[in-house]
Amino acid sequence: MSRIASSSVCWSVCALVAIVFAGCGGGSGGPAAGAERGPCYGNGTCNTGLVCLSSTCVKPMATGTAGTTGAGGAAGTTGSGGTSGTVGTGG
């Protein structure tokens, strides 16, 4: 192969490789830093309304409000006195 043809093939291969790599790394590939499902900012924070868990910004789980306490039980009643026994007979 001549030196000119060899050089042309080399440039063609290099151009093809450059196009392939540009296609693979050209996009951001995901949400921006601080956005939901995106990486947390470098200081471990996210945009308003999101929290940083495992280096990913997520919406916190919704939490409910606490319930009210129950009413106290009723007071007990006083027991009645026992009955008197009968007098025994002497024997």
C-alpha atoms as a PDB file:
ATOM      1  CA  MET A   1       0.000   0.000   0.000  1.00  0.00           C
ATOM      2  CA  SER A   2       1.338   3.422  -0.828  1.00  0.00           C
ATOM      3  CA  ARG A   3       2.129   5.972   1.789  1.00  0.00           C
ATOM      4  CA  ILE A   4      -0.731   8.254   0.613  1.00  0.00           C
ATOM      5  CA  ALA A   5      -3.322   5.455   0.763  1.00  0.00           C
ATOM      6  CA  SER A   6      -2.088   4.391   4.194  1.00  0.00           C
ATOM      7  CA  SER A   7      -2.366   7.946   5.475  1.00  0.00           C
ATOM      8  CA  SER A   8      -5.878   8.269   4.048  1.00  0.00           C
ATOM      9  CA  VAL A   9      -7.014   5.046   5.743  1.00  0.00           C
ATOM     10  CA  CYS A  10      -5.512   6.205   9.032  1.00  0.00           C
ATOM     11  CA  TRP A  11      -7.381   9.520   8.882  1.00  0.00           C
ATOM     12  CA  SER A  12     -10.622   7.753   7.987  1.00  0.00           C
ATOM     13  CA  VAL A  13     -10.290   5.405  10.969  1.00  0.00           C
ATOM     14  CA  CYS A  14      -9.437   8.305  13.282  1.00  0.00           C
ATOM     15  CA  ALA A  15     -12.458  10.273  12.054  1.00  0.00           C
ATOM     16  CA  LEU A  16     -14.744   7.276  12.575  1.00  0.00           C
ATOM     17  CA  VAL A  17     -13.450   6.749  16.124  1.00  0.00           C
ATOM     18  CA  ALA A  18     -13.938  10.445  16.906  1.00  0.00           C
ATOM     19  CA  ILE A  19     -17.542  10.328  15.682  1.00  0.00           C
ATOM     20  CA  VAL A  20     -18.313   7.247  17.774  1.00  0.00           C
ATOM     21  CA  PHE A  21     -16.854   8.783  20.939  1.00  0.00           C
ATOM     22  CA  ALA A  22     -18.618  12.083  20.343  1.00  0.00           C
ATOM     23  CA  GLY A  23     -21.932  10.239  20.061  1.00  0.00           C
ATOM     24  CA  CYS A  24     -21.347   8.357  23.313  1.00  0.00           C
ATOM     25  CA  GLY A  25     -20.256  11.242  25.487  1.00  0.00           C
ATOM     26  CA  GLY A  26     -22.042  14.187  23.947  1.00  0.00           C
ATOM     27  CA  GLY A  27     -25.150  14.265  26.155  1.00  0.00           C
ATOM     28  CA  SER A  28     -25.452  14.850  29.871  1.00  0.00           C
ATOM     29  CA  GLY A  29     -26.863  11.350  30.384  1.00  0.00           C
ATOM     30  CA  GLY A  30     -29.205  12.284  33.212  1.00  0.00           C
ATOM     31  CA  PRO A  31     -30.788  14.990  35.338  1.00  0.00           C
ATOM     32  CA  ALA A  32     -28.712  18.012  36.325  1.00  0.00           C
ATOM     33  CA  ALA A  33     -27.054  18.300  39.717  1.00  0.00           C
ATOM     34  CA  GLY A  34     -29.554  19.274  42.414  1.00  0.00           C
ATOM     35  CA  ALA A  35     -32.568  18.138  40.350  1.00  0.00           C
ATOM     36  CA  GLU A  36     -34.779  15.159  41.217  1.00  0.00           C
ATOM     37  CA  ARG A  37     -32.901  11.887  40.526  1.00  0.00           C
ATOM     38  CA  GLY A  38     -29.773  13.876  39.728  1.00  0.00           C
ATOM     39  CA  PRO A  39     -26.558  13.935  41.740  1.00  0.00           C
ATOM     40  CA  CYS A  40     -26.440  16.089  44.873  1.00  0.00           C
ATOM     41  CA  TYR A  41     -24.445  19.297  44.811  1.00  0.00           C
ATOM     42  CA  GLY A  42     -20.877  19.077  46.087  1.00  0.00           C
ATOM     43  CA  ASN A  43     -21.972  20.314  49.531  1.00  0.00           C
ATOM     44  CA  GLY A  44     -24.561  17.508  49.891  1.00  0.00           C
ATOM     45  CA  THR A  45     -27.629  19.633  49.133  1.00  0.00           C
ATOM     46  CA  CYS A  46     -30.323  19.620  46.445  1.00  0.00           C
ATOM     47  CA  ASN A  47     -32.848  22.041  44.973  1.00  0.00           C
ATOM     48  CA  THR A  48     -35.735  23.197  47.181  1.00  0.00           C
ATOM     49  CA  GLY A  49     -38.099  20.399  48.186  1.00  0.00           C
ATOM     50  CA  LEU A  50     -35.544  17.606  47.632  1.00  0.00           C
ATOM     51  CA  VAL A  51     -33.172  15.803  49.977  1.00  0.00           C
ATOM     52  CA  CYS A  52     -29.822  14.173  49.273  1.00  0.00           C
ATOM     53  CA  LEU A  53     -29.831  10.407  49.942  1.00  0.00           C
ATOM     54  CA  SER A  54     -26.992   8.181  48.734  1.00  0.00           C
ATOM     55  CA  SER A  55     -25.612  11.104  46.693  1.00  0.00           C
ATOM     56  CA  THR A  56     -28.900  11.369  44.731  1.00  0.00           C
ATOM     57  CA  CYS A  57     -31.565  14.093  45.056  1.00  0.00           C
ATOM     58  CA  VAL A  58     -34.990  12.636  45.862  1.00  0.00           C
ATOM     59  CA  LYS A  59     -38.373  13.839  47.124  1.00  0.00           C
ATOM     60  CA  PRO A  60     -38.777  13.050  50.824  1.00  0.00           C
ATOM     61  CA  MET A  61     -41.501  10.579  51.732  1.00  0.00           C
ATOM     62  CA  ALA A  62     -44.793  12.179  52.684  1.00  0.00           C
ATOM     63  CA  THR A  63     -45.459  11.964  56.385  1.00  0.00           C
ATOM     64  CA  GLY A  64     -48.797  12.131  58.111  1.00  0.00           C
ATOM     65  CA  THR A  65     -49.696  14.056  61.232  1.00  0.00           C
ATOM     66  CA  ALA A  66     -49.700  12.472  64.644  1.00  0.00           C
ATOM     67  CA  GLY A  67     -52.970  11.099  65.956  1.00  0.00           C
ATOM     68  CA  THR A  68     -54.701  12.398  69.071  1.00  0.00           C
ATOM     69  CA  THR A  69     -54.324  10.708  72.411  1.00  0.00           C
ATOM     70  CA  GLY A  70     -57.152   8.565  73.732  1.00  0.00           C
ATOM     71  CA  ALA A  71     -59.410   9.490  76.634  1.00  0.00           C
ATOM     72  CA  GLY A  72     -58.555   8.212  80.091  1.00  0.00           C
ATOM     73  CA  GLY A  73     -60.431   5.264  81.532  1.00  0.00           C
ATOM     74  CA  ALA A  74     -63.362   5.667  83.952  1.00  0.00           C
ATOM     75  CA  ALA A  75     -62.699   5.557  87.669  1.00  0.00           C
ATOM     76  CA  GLY A  76     -63.395   2.293  89.476  1.00  0.00           C
ATOM     77  CA  THR A  77     -66.274   1.887  91.963  1.00  0.00           C
ATOM     78  CA  THR A  78     -65.897   1.256  95.659  1.00  0.00           C
ATOM     79  CA  GLY A  79     -66.658  -2.274  96.737  1.00  0.00           C
ATOM     80  CA  SER A  80     -69.546  -3.008  99.076  1.00  0.00           C
ATOM     81  CA  GLY A  81     -69.014  -4.220 102.606  1.00  0.00           C
ATOM     82  CA  GLY A  82     -69.305  -7.910 103.446  1.00  0.00           C
ATOM     83  CA  THR A  83     -72.283  -9.434 105.234  1.00  0.00           C
ATOM     84  CA  SER A  84     -72.198 -10.310 108.879  1.00  0.00           C
ATOM     85  CA  GLY A  85     -72.055 -13.948 109.785  1.00  0.00           C
ATOM     86  CA  THR A  86     -74.510 -15.734 112.051  1.00  0.00           C
ATOM     87  CA  VAL A  87     -73.699 -16.471 115.601  1.00  0.00           C
ATOM     88  CA  GLY A  88     -72.892 -20.069 116.126  1.00  0.00           C
ATOM     89  CA  THR A  89     -74.459 -22.202 118.826  1.00  0.00           C
ATOM     90  CA  GLY A  90     -72.419 -23.569 121.644  1.00  0.00           C
ATOM     91  CA  GLY A  91     -72.352 -27.165 121.947  1.00  0.00           C
END
